[in-house]
Amino acid sequence: MNTPRLIQVSHEDPAALRAEVLAGLAAEPAVLAPKFFYDGLGARLFSAITALPEYYPTRTEAAIFRDHLDAIAAAVGPAPTLVDLGAGNCEKAARLLEPLAVQRYVAVDIAAEYLLSALDRLQYEHPNRELLGIGLDFSRQLVLPDEVGPGPRLLFYPGSSIGNFDPGAALDFLRQVRAACAGGRLLIGVDLVKGVEVLEPAYDDALGVTAAFNRNLLLHLNRLIGADFALADWRHVAFYAGAASRIEMHLEAVREVTVRWPGGERRFARGERIHTENSYKWRLDDFADLLRAAGFKQPRAWRDARDWFAVFAADA
């Protein structure tokens, strides 16, 4: 049986990471990048979110792959090298390894330790496949190491994570993805515009798992910068901003609070917020145009029966 390999590409400079956090906390309003959700606990909480009844993207995307797998496989062809961006627990890509005749599976994620445990499980199920994990913060820059091997490659970006980028940043990122395809193709999940009665519960579930995921970011910050955020001082807020076509997530102070860290502090008034995530929702034609603007050719899409979600394939 093969053994998974792990390459740590992103070695965060603690001083640079601290500076990024402090700059975000000093902003008006305060804002933090979604990558700070994903410590070990945050990665596990997100995995739990995907199983919630309110969180439709994961099961809707899975249904699209189930119902249209033959057509998708025909469109992308055999994929000797599959590069899974934001792989997490690797479960989504695992369903494609056989249908797409994948020989080398490359899982890319910022949470490297969590990634290795997922690859160990996957290797047991696929003992003869080459599995490679890459610890990389690709939200900054997507440059794959030489160990990934030559192209062409199929880059797989499921789960509507492209929605975390604003439209301009999404275009820049997709241009990097196209270069990383090395003459291959892209397979990407996209969340579509729909009613607020569906969107908002998906990001503010009755069980409170998404709230825990959002608030766990504060515990992560306490470790990163030595801050003294107290969970009891903050509540989870999520809503659909229709004009921007995006879900916004925030952490809101429930009382006046001063957060301190070595060398600094910030006072938050009651009701003041820290903006932690955007999740943009797309119209089908607009996303196809975005792919073309990034240099992709022949975008094709498969949707669920309710038009809630789409899976796009495009040639690099």
Protein backbone atom coordinates (compact mmCIF):
# COMPACT_ATOMS: atom_id res chain seq x y z
CA MET A 1 0.00 0.00 0.00
CA ASN A 2 1.22 3.51 -0.81
CA THR A 3 1.75 6.09 1.93
CA PRO A 4 0.39 9.65 1.66
CA ARG A 5 2.94 12.41 1.46
CA LEU A 6 2.50 15.89 2.92
CA ILE A 7 4.28 19.02 1.72
CA GLN A 8 3.96 22.19 3.79
CA VAL A 9 4.23 25.05 1.30
CA SER A 10 2.80 27.90 3.37
CA HIS A 11 4.98 28.56 6.38
CA GLU A 12 3.23 31.46 8.05
CA ASP A 13 5.54 34.06 9.52
CA PRO A 14 4.09 34.50 13.03
CA ALA A 15 4.96 38.20 12.95
CA ALA A 16 3.22 38.67 9.58
CA LEU A 17 0.19 36.71 10.74
CA ARG A 18 -0.03 38.78 13.91
CA ALA A 19 0.27 41.97 11.87
CA GLU A 20 -2.57 40.83 9.59
CA VAL A 21 -4.84 40.11 12.55
CA LEU A 22 -4.04 43.40 14.27
CA ALA A 23 -4.63 45.37 11.08
CA GLY A 24 -8.02 43.70 10.73
CA LEU A 25 -8.95 44.44 14.34
CA ALA A 26 -7.89 48.08 13.89
CA ALA A 27 -10.00 48.56 10.75
CA GLU A 28 -13.32 50.41 10.79
CA PRO A 29 -15.31 48.23 10.85
CA ALA A 30 -13.10 45.40 12.07
CA VAL A 31 -12.67 42.63 9.51
CA LEU A 32 -10.91 39.25 9.49
CA ALA A 33 -10.22 36.82 6.66
CA PRO A 34 -12.23 33.56 6.59
CA LYS A 35 -8.98 31.59 6.74
CA PHE A 36 -8.90 32.28 10.48
CA PHE A 37 -11.90 29.97 10.90
CA TYR A 38 -9.78 26.95 10.10
CA ASP A 39 -7.80 25.83 13.07
CA GLY A 40 -8.22 22.12 13.88
CA LEU A 41 -11.54 22.63 15.67
CA GLY A 42 -12.80 25.03 13.02
CA ALA A 43 -12.19 22.47 10.27
CA ARG A 44 -14.18 19.88 12.22
CA LEU A 45 -17.01 22.29 12.93
CA PHE A 46 -17.29 23.10 9.24
CA SER A 47 -17.48 19.40 8.47
CA ALA A 48 -20.40 19.22 10.93
CA ILE A 49 -22.07 22.20 9.23
CA THR A 50 -22.19 20.32 5.95
CA ALA A 51 -24.41 17.66 7.59
CA LEU A 52 -27.00 20.15 8.90
CA PRO A 53 -30.51 20.07 7.40
CA GLU A 54 -30.38 23.83 6.72
CA TYR A 55 -27.05 23.68 4.90
CA TYR A 56 -28.18 22.77 1.39
CA PRO A 57 -24.93 23.34 -0.65
CA THR A 58 -23.15 20.09 0.22
CA ARG A 59 -26.05 17.70 -0.36
CA THR A 60 -27.30 19.65 -3.41
CA GLU A 61 -23.89 19.57 -5.03
CA ALA A 62 -23.60 15.86 -4.21
CA ALA A 63 -26.96 15.25 -5.89
CA ILE A 64 -25.75 17.03 -9.03
CA PHE A 65 -22.71 14.77 -9.18
CA ARG A 66 -24.89 11.71 -8.56
CA ASP A 67 -27.44 12.61 -11.22
CA HIS A 68 -25.03 13.94 -13.86
CA LEU A 69 -21.83 12.03 -13.18
CA ASP A 70 -21.69 10.36 -16.59
CA ALA A 71 -22.09 13.68 -18.39
CA ILE A 72 -19.56 15.40 -16.13
CA ALA A 73 -17.05 12.59 -16.61
CA ALA A 74 -17.52 12.78 -20.37
CA ALA A 75 -16.98 16.55 -20.29
CA VAL A 76 -13.76 16.51 -18.25
CA GLY A 77 -12.41 13.19 -19.52
CA PRO A 78 -9.96 10.98 -17.59
CA ALA A 79 -8.05 13.01 -14.99
CA PRO A 80 -4.69 11.39 -14.21
CA THR A 81 -3.97 14.25 -11.78
CA LEU A 82 -6.81 15.68 -9.70
CA VAL A 83 -5.98 18.75 -7.59
CA ASP A 84 -8.57 19.33 -4.86
CA LEU A 85 -8.56 22.92 -3.59
CA GLY A 86 -9.77 23.27 -0.01
CA ALA A 87 -9.90 19.50 0.32
CA GLY A 88 -10.91 19.33 3.99
CA ASN A 89 -11.91 15.74 4.76
CA CYS A 90 -11.42 14.76 1.05
CA GLU A 91 -14.88 13.15 0.90
CA LYS A 92 -16.12 15.09 -2.15
CA ALA A 93 -13.13 14.22 -4.30
CA ALA A 94 -13.15 10.62 -3.10
CA ARG A 95 -16.38 10.02 -5.05
CA LEU A 96 -14.64 11.06 -8.28
CA LEU A 97 -11.46 8.99 -8.08
CA GLU A 98 -12.90 5.93 -9.81
CA PRO A 99 -15.20 7.63 -12.38
CA LEU A 100 -12.42 9.99 -13.51
CA ALA A 101 -9.66 7.34 -13.45
CA VAL A 102 -7.53 9.47 -11.14
CA GLN A 103 -3.98 8.18 -10.66
CA ARG A 104 -2.58 11.01 -8.53
CA TYR A 105 -4.80 12.82 -6.04
CA VAL A 106 -3.45 16.12 -4.71
CA ALA A 107 -5.30 17.54 -1.71
CA VAL A 108 -4.64 21.22 -0.97
CA ASP A 109 -5.76 22.84 2.28
CA ILE A 110 -4.62 25.43 4.79
CA ALA A 111 -5.26 22.98 7.68
CA ALA A 112 -2.36 20.61 6.99
CA GLU A 113 -2.65 18.44 10.11
CA TYR A 114 -6.35 17.79 9.50
CA LEU A 115 -5.53 17.05 5.86
CA LEU A 116 -3.02 14.33 6.69
CA SER A 117 -5.50 12.41 8.84
CA ALA A 118 -8.03 12.55 5.99
CA LEU A 119 -5.45 11.25 3.52
CA ASP A 120 -4.54 8.38 5.82
CA ARG A 121 -8.18 7.25 5.76
CA LEU A 122 -8.41 7.69 2.00
CA GLN A 123 -5.22 5.73 1.37
CA TYR A 124 -6.70 2.75 3.21
CA GLU A 125 -9.63 2.80 0.76
CA HIS A 126 -7.39 3.38 -2.30
CA PRO A 127 -4.11 1.62 -1.48
CA ASN A 128 -2.63 1.86 -4.97
CA ARG A 129 -3.30 5.53 -5.71
CA GLU A 130 -0.70 8.20 -5.20
CA LEU A 131 -1.94 10.66 -2.57
CA LEU A 132 -0.23 13.97 -1.95
CA GLY A 133 -1.23 16.61 0.61
CA ILE A 134 -0.16 20.23 0.27
CA GLY A 135 -0.46 22.67 3.17
CA LEU A 136 -1.06 25.93 1.36
CA ASP A 137 -2.96 29.16 1.91
CA PHE A 138 -4.02 29.48 -1.73
CA SER A 139 -6.28 32.45 -0.95
CA ARG A 140 -3.10 34.54 -1.11
CA GLN A 141 -1.49 32.93 -4.13
CA LEU A 142 -2.04 29.64 -5.93
CA VAL A 143 1.33 28.24 -6.96
CA LEU A 144 1.60 24.45 -6.85
CA PRO A 145 4.95 22.80 -6.05
CA ASP A 146 6.81 20.70 -8.60
CA GLU A 147 5.84 17.52 -6.73
CA VAL A 148 2.32 17.83 -8.18
CA GLY A 149 3.78 16.73 -11.51
CA PRO A 150 3.24 17.99 -15.04
CA GLY A 151 -0.07 18.87 -16.65
CA PRO A 152 -2.64 18.62 -17.81
CA ARG A 153 -4.46 18.71 -14.46
CA LEU A 154 -8.08 18.78 -13.37
CA LEU A 155 -8.50 21.39 -10.65
CA PHE A 156 -11.50 20.68 -8.42
CA TYR A 157 -12.97 23.49 -6.32
CA PRO A 158 -16.26 22.26 -4.85
CA GLY A 159 -18.64 23.55 -2.22
CA SER A 160 -19.12 27.11 -3.53
CA SER A 161 -15.94 28.33 -1.79
CA ILE A 162 -15.43 30.69 -4.75
CA GLY A 163 -18.17 32.71 -3.06
CA ASN A 164 -15.73 33.81 -0.35
CA PHE A 165 -14.05 36.04 -2.95
CA ASP A 166 -15.62 39.31 -4.06
CA PRO A 167 -16.14 39.39 -7.85
CA GLY A 168 -12.87 41.17 -8.59
CA ALA A 169 -10.85 38.86 -6.37
CA ALA A 170 -12.70 35.84 -7.81
CA LEU A 171 -11.55 36.86 -11.29
CA ASP A 172 -7.94 37.18 -10.15
CA PHE A 173 -8.10 33.82 -8.38
CA LEU A 174 -9.64 32.03 -11.35
CA ARG A 175 -6.81 33.32 -13.54
CA GLN A 176 -4.37 31.67 -11.14
CA VAL A 177 -6.45 28.49 -11.24
CA ARG A 178 -6.34 28.47 -15.03
CA ALA A 179 -2.53 28.71 -14.94
CA ALA A 180 -2.38 25.87 -12.39
CA CYS A 181 -4.50 23.66 -14.68
CA ALA A 182 -1.47 23.48 -17.01
CA GLY A 183 -3.65 22.95 -20.05
CA GLY A 184 -6.25 20.85 -18.28
CA ARG A 185 -9.69 21.69 -16.93
CA LEU A 186 -11.59 23.14 -14.01
CA LEU A 187 -14.52 21.57 -12.14
CA ILE A 188 -16.11 24.03 -9.71
CA GLY A 189 -19.19 24.28 -7.51
CA VAL A 190 -21.15 27.55 -7.50
CA ASP A 191 -24.00 28.59 -5.21
CA LEU A 192 -26.79 30.33 -7.10
CA VAL A 193 -29.01 33.27 -6.15
CA LYS A 194 -32.18 32.15 -4.36
CA GLY A 195 -34.68 33.25 -1.73
CA VAL A 196 -33.58 34.65 1.61
CA GLU A 197 -35.79 32.07 3.35
CA VAL A 198 -33.36 29.39 2.10
CA LEU A 199 -30.11 31.33 2.30
CA GLU A 200 -30.19 32.74 5.81
CA PRO A 201 -30.95 29.50 7.73
CA ALA A 202 -28.04 27.85 5.90
CA TYR A 203 -25.72 30.29 7.69
CA ASP A 204 -27.62 30.55 10.98
CA ASP A 205 -28.84 27.05 11.78
CA ALA A 206 -31.19 26.20 14.63
CA LEU A 207 -28.65 23.96 16.35
CA GLY A 208 -26.07 26.73 16.51
CA VAL A 209 -23.22 24.88 14.80
CA THR A 210 -22.50 27.77 12.42
CA ALA A 211 -22.53 30.14 15.39
CA ALA A 212 -19.95 27.92 17.12
CA PHE A 213 -17.86 27.85 13.93
CA ASN A 214 -17.92 31.65 13.74
CA ARG A 215 -17.22 32.21 17.46
CA ASN A 216 -14.40 29.66 17.47
CA LEU A 217 -12.48 32.18 15.37
CA LEU A 218 -12.11 34.24 18.56
CA LEU A 219 -10.46 31.34 20.38
CA HIS A 220 -8.11 30.97 17.43
CA LEU A 221 -7.23 34.67 17.68
CA ASN A 222 -6.54 34.32 21.40
CA ARG A 223 -3.87 31.76 20.57
CA LEU A 224 -2.49 33.65 17.59
CA ILE A 225 -2.01 37.06 19.20
CA GLY A 226 -2.46 36.41 22.93
CA ALA A 227 -5.80 38.22 23.05
CA ASP A 228 -8.46 37.80 25.72
CA PHE A 229 -11.65 37.49 23.67
CA ALA A 230 -14.41 35.94 25.81
CA LEU A 231 -17.07 33.98 23.90
CA ALA A 232 -19.83 35.23 26.19
CA ASP A 233 -19.23 38.77 24.90
CA TRP A 234 -20.03 37.93 21.28
CA ARG A 235 -22.92 36.60 19.23
CA HIS A 236 -23.10 35.22 15.71
CA VAL A 237 -24.88 37.33 13.06
CA ALA A 238 -25.60 36.21 9.49
CA PHE A 239 -27.85 37.83 6.87
CA TYR A 240 -28.32 38.12 3.11
CA ALA A 241 -27.30 41.48 1.63
CA GLY A 242 -29.36 41.42 -1.54
CA ALA A 243 -27.79 44.46 -3.22
CA ALA A 244 -24.37 42.78 -3.08
CA SER A 245 -25.80 39.28 -3.68
CA ARG A 246 -23.96 37.87 -0.69
CA ILE A 247 -24.40 36.35 2.73
CA GLU A 248 -22.46 38.26 5.38
CA MET A 249 -21.27 36.75 8.66
CA HIS A 250 -20.28 38.89 11.62
CA LEU A 251 -19.46 38.63 15.29
CA GLU A 252 -21.38 41.24 17.28
CA ALA A 253 -20.49 42.49 20.75
CA VAL A 254 -23.42 41.90 23.12
CA ARG A 255 -22.06 44.47 25.59
CA GLU A 256 -19.35 47.10 25.66
CA VAL A 257 -16.07 45.22 25.84
CA THR A 258 -12.36 45.97 25.65
CA VAL A 259 -10.23 43.24 24.08
CA ARG A 260 -6.58 43.28 25.06
CA TRP A 261 -3.44 41.64 23.70
CA PRO A 262 0.27 42.19 24.42
CA GLY A 263 1.02 45.71 23.26
CA GLY A 264 -2.50 46.80 22.40
CA GLU A 265 -6.25 46.77 22.86
CA ARG A 266 -9.50 47.73 21.18
CA ARG A 267 -12.75 48.87 22.68
CA PHE A 268 -15.92 47.56 21.04
CA ALA A 269 -19.25 49.25 21.70
CA ARG A 270 -22.34 47.15 22.25
CA GLY A 271 -23.62 46.10 18.81
CA GLU A 272 -20.29 46.73 17.08
CA ARG A 273 -19.30 43.97 14.70
CA ILE A 274 -16.30 42.11 13.33
CA HIS A 275 -16.93 41.10 9.70
CA THR A 276 -15.73 37.51 9.34
CA GLU A 277 -17.03 36.20 5.99
CA ASN A 278 -18.82 36.95 2.74
CA SER A 279 -20.41 34.26 0.60
CA TYR A 280 -21.39 35.58 -2.81
CA LYS A 281 -24.23 33.98 -4.76
CA TRP A 282 -24.09 33.93 -8.55
CA ARG A 283 -26.47 33.85 -11.49
CA LEU A 284 -25.64 31.13 -14.00
CA ASP A 285 -24.83 33.37 -16.97
CA ASP A 286 -22.81 35.78 -14.84
CA PHE A 287 -20.54 33.02 -13.58
CA ALA A 288 -20.06 31.63 -17.08
CA ASP A 289 -18.99 35.14 -18.14
CA LEU A 290 -16.57 35.27 -15.18
CA LEU A 291 -14.95 32.01 -16.31
CA ARG A 292 -14.53 33.36 -19.83
CA ALA A 293 -13.02 36.59 -18.48
CA ALA A 294 -10.49 34.47 -16.58
CA GLY A 295 -9.47 32.78 -19.83
CA PHE A 296 -11.45 29.53 -19.55
CA LYS A 297 -13.18 28.14 -22.63
CA GLN A 298 -16.42 26.24 -23.20
CA PRO A 299 -18.00 26.58 -19.74
CA ARG A 300 -20.72 23.95 -19.20
CA ALA A 301 -23.03 23.73 -16.20
CA TRP A 302 -25.21 21.13 -14.49
CA ARG A 303 -27.88 22.19 -11.99
CA ASP A 304 -30.23 20.64 -9.49
CA ALA A 305 -33.98 20.62 -10.15
CA ARG A 306 -34.58 23.72 -7.97
CA ASP A 307 -31.76 25.77 -9.54
CA TRP A 308 -30.13 26.25 -6.16
CA PHE A 309 -26.63 25.16 -7.13
CA ALA A 310 -24.50 24.52 -10.20
CA VAL A 311 -21.38 22.57 -11.10
CA PHE A 312 -19.33 24.10 -13.91
CA ALA A 313 -16.68 22.47 -16.06
CA ALA A 314 -14.42 24.56 -18.29
CA ASP A 315 -11.30 24.07 -20.39
CA ALA A 316 -8.15 25.96 -19.38
